[in-house]
């Protein structure tokens, strides 16, 4: 037991200084073990499959699980040796429909909103006199366009049976 504890201490110290030789070696030995188990189970499953289909299917299913675990170990080792590049993204917004994005704290958002309000100048007044409208209230003459049309007469809803 003392030898195991001493070995663990040595490996912990090696990991502290950046050496992961043991950590990289473990997936390799596990891959070889899993490969051996896969080969054994697949051969057994193939031999038993002719006599007992259920037992052969179970053995083949276990063999494929071992194969998948071996592949996962290979990927883990490849990730250790060649880590993926990491991109630090401040915010990623992925949505299928409409979305609102607020980047920053509340004070920043309020300051941005105030600047946006003043960025567009107000509309210019039509006249210089306050409260003056475009309609002077005088009667207008009818135009000559569509002269064949008559004005609509008064309707008496009670006398009209259709409604």
Protein backbone atom coordinates (compact mmCIF):
# COMPACT_ATOMS: atom_id res chain seq x y z
CA UNK A 1 0.00 0.00 0.00
CA UNK A 2 2.92 2.32 0.73
CA UNK A 3 4.27 1.75 -2.78
CA UNK A 4 0.94 2.79 -4.34
CA UNK A 5 0.78 5.95 -2.21
CA UNK A 6 4.39 6.81 -3.07
CA UNK A 7 3.70 6.25 -6.79
CA UNK A 8 0.59 8.47 -6.61
CA UNK A 9 2.62 11.21 -4.92
CA UNK A 10 5.27 11.03 -7.67
CA UNK A 11 2.58 11.25 -10.38
CA UNK A 12 0.87 14.17 -8.62
CA UNK A 13 4.18 16.06 -8.45
CA UNK A 14 4.86 15.31 -12.13
CA UNK A 15 1.39 16.62 -13.04
CA UNK A 16 2.07 19.79 -11.03
CA UNK A 17 5.09 20.59 -13.18
CA UNK A 18 3.14 19.85 -16.38
CA UNK A 19 4.12 16.25 -17.14
CA UNK A 20 1.10 14.17 -18.11
CA UNK A 21 2.97 11.09 -19.33
CA UNK A 22 0.99 8.75 -17.08
CA UNK A 23 -2.29 10.42 -18.04
CA UNK A 24 -1.46 10.04 -21.71
CA UNK A 25 -0.30 6.47 -21.21
CA UNK A 26 -3.53 5.34 -19.55
CA UNK A 27 -5.76 5.79 -22.63
CA UNK A 28 -3.23 3.87 -24.71
CA UNK A 29 -3.21 0.88 -22.37
CA UNK A 30 -7.02 1.06 -22.07
CA UNK A 31 -7.30 1.13 -25.87
CA UNK A 32 -5.25 -2.05 -26.16
CA UNK A 33 -7.31 -3.75 -23.45
CA UNK A 34 -10.61 -2.68 -25.00
CA UNK A 35 -9.41 -3.82 -28.42
CA UNK A 36 -8.53 -7.23 -27.02
CA UNK A 37 -11.94 -7.52 -25.33
CA UNK A 38 -13.66 -6.42 -28.55
CA UNK A 39 -11.83 -9.07 -30.58
CA UNK A 40 -12.58 -11.81 -28.05
CA UNK A 41 -16.29 -10.90 -27.77
CA UNK A 42 -16.76 -10.59 -31.51
CA UNK A 43 -15.18 -14.01 -32.13
CA UNK A 44 -17.27 -15.59 -29.36
CA UNK A 45 -20.43 -13.90 -30.64
CA UNK A 46 -19.77 -15.09 -34.17
CA UNK A 47 -19.25 -18.70 -33.02
CA UNK A 48 -22.30 -18.73 -30.70
CA UNK A 49 -24.57 -16.89 -33.14
CA UNK A 50 -25.10 -20.07 -35.18
CA UNK A 51 -26.22 -22.13 -32.14
CA UNK A 52 -28.01 -19.51 -30.00
CA UNK A 53 -29.03 -16.27 -31.71
CA UNK A 54 -29.93 -14.43 -28.49
CA UNK A 55 -26.63 -15.19 -26.77
CA UNK A 56 -24.67 -14.42 -29.93
CA UNK A 57 -26.49 -11.11 -30.34
CA UNK A 58 -25.70 -10.16 -26.73
CA UNK A 59 -22.00 -10.96 -27.22
CA UNK A 60 -21.86 -8.97 -30.47
CA UNK A 61 -23.65 -6.04 -28.82
CA UNK A 62 -21.07 -6.05 -25.99
CA UNK A 63 -18.28 -6.23 -28.56
CA UNK A 64 -19.62 -3.12 -30.32
CA UNK A 65 -19.83 -1.29 -26.98
CA UNK A 66 -16.16 -2.09 -26.37
CA UNK A 67 -15.33 -0.87 -29.86
CA UNK A 68 -17.16 2.43 -29.18
CA UNK A 69 -15.31 2.87 -25.89
CA UNK A 70 -11.99 2.21 -27.64
CA UNK A 71 -12.84 4.90 -30.21
CA UNK A 72 -13.73 7.32 -27.38
CA UNK A 73 -10.33 6.67 -25.79
CA UNK A 74 -8.58 7.35 -29.11
CA UNK A 75 -10.47 10.66 -29.39
CA UNK A 76 -9.56 11.57 -25.80
CA UNK A 77 -5.89 10.88 -26.47
CA UNK A 78 -5.98 12.89 -29.71
CA UNK A 79 -7.61 15.78 -27.79
CA UNK A 80 -4.83 15.63 -25.18
CA UNK A 81 -2.10 15.67 -27.80
CA UNK A 82 -3.73 18.24 -30.12
CA UNK A 83 -6.20 20.39 -28.18
CA UNK A 84 -8.79 22.31 -30.16
CA UNK A 85 -8.36 26.04 -30.46
CA UNK A 86 -10.65 27.91 -28.13
CA UNK A 87 -12.51 31.06 -29.14
CA UNK A 88 -13.75 33.27 -26.34
CA UNK A 89 -17.00 34.79 -27.56
CA UNK A 90 -18.56 37.58 -25.55
CA UNK A 91 -22.10 36.63 -26.54
CA UNK A 92 -23.62 34.27 -29.06
CA UNK A 93 -27.29 34.73 -29.84
CA UNK A 94 -28.91 31.90 -31.71
CA UNK A 95 -32.64 32.05 -32.18
CA UNK A 96 -35.14 30.90 -34.75
CA UNK A 97 -37.28 34.03 -34.57
CA UNK A 98 -37.14 37.63 -33.45
CA UNK A 99 -34.81 38.43 -30.61
CA UNK A 100 -33.59 41.39 -28.65
CA UNK A 101 -29.92 41.64 -27.77
CA UNK A 102 -28.81 43.80 -24.86
CA UNK A 103 -25.03 43.85 -24.53
CA UNK A 104 -23.73 45.63 -21.47
CA UNK A 105 -25.03 46.72 -18.11
CA UNK A 106 -28.13 48.86 -17.49
CA UNK A 107 -26.22 52.17 -17.19
CA UNK A 108 -24.51 51.61 -20.53
CA UNK A 109 -27.82 50.71 -22.19
CA UNK A 110 -29.53 53.83 -20.85
CA UNK A 111 -26.63 56.01 -22.04
CA UNK A 112 -26.83 54.45 -25.51
CA UNK A 113 -30.61 54.96 -25.61
CA UNK A 114 -30.21 58.65 -24.74
CA UNK A 115 -27.63 59.17 -27.47
CA UNK A 116 -29.85 57.43 -29.99
CA UNK A 117 -32.79 59.66 -29.06
CA UNK A 118 -30.82 62.80 -29.83
CA UNK A 119 -29.06 61.42 -32.90
CA UNK A 120 -32.03 62.21 -35.20
CA UNK A 121 -32.95 65.91 -35.29
CA UNK A 122 -36.62 66.76 -34.66
CA UNK A 123 -38.95 67.55 -37.58
CA UNK A 124 -39.03 71.18 -38.68
CA UNK A 125 -42.27 73.11 -38.15
CA UNK A 126 -44.40 73.90 -41.18
CA UNK A 127 -44.90 77.51 -40.15
CA UNK A 128 -43.31 79.84 -37.72
CA UNK A 129 -46.58 80.53 -35.90
CA UNK A 130 -47.50 78.14 -33.09
CA UNK A 131 -50.85 76.29 -33.28
CA UNK A 132 -51.40 77.17 -36.95
CA UNK A 133 -52.77 74.35 -39.10
CA UNK A 134 -52.69 73.66 -42.81
CA UNK A 135 -56.51 73.68 -43.05
CA UNK A 136 -57.84 77.23 -43.00
CA UNK A 137 -61.48 76.08 -42.57
CA UNK A 138 -62.87 77.61 -45.78
CA UNK A 139 -65.26 75.69 -48.09
CA UNK A 140 -63.69 73.85 -51.00
CA UNK A 141 -65.06 73.35 -54.52
CA UNK A 142 -65.46 69.86 -55.90
CA UNK A 143 -63.08 68.64 -58.51
CA UNK A 144 -63.99 67.66 -62.03
CA UNK A 145 -62.64 64.14 -61.71
CA UNK A 146 -65.22 61.30 -61.60
CA UNK A 147 -68.05 63.71 -62.42
CA UNK A 148 -70.42 60.85 -63.26
CA UNK A 149 -70.62 59.87 -59.63
CA UNK A 150 -73.33 61.31 -57.44
CA UNK A 151 -73.22 62.03 -53.77
CA UNK A 152 -74.61 59.42 -51.44
CA UNK A 153 -78.12 60.16 -50.24
CA UNK A 154 -79.35 59.81 -46.68
CA UNK A 155 -80.25 56.24 -45.68
CA UNK A 156 -83.13 55.42 -43.43
CA UNK A 157 -82.11 52.21 -41.68
CA UNK A 158 -85.61 51.52 -40.26
CA UNK A 159 -87.27 51.79 -43.69
CA UNK A 160 -84.62 49.69 -45.41
CA UNK A 161 -85.59 46.03 -44.77
CA UNK A 162 -82.18 44.70 -45.85
CA UNK A 163 -80.50 46.21 -42.91
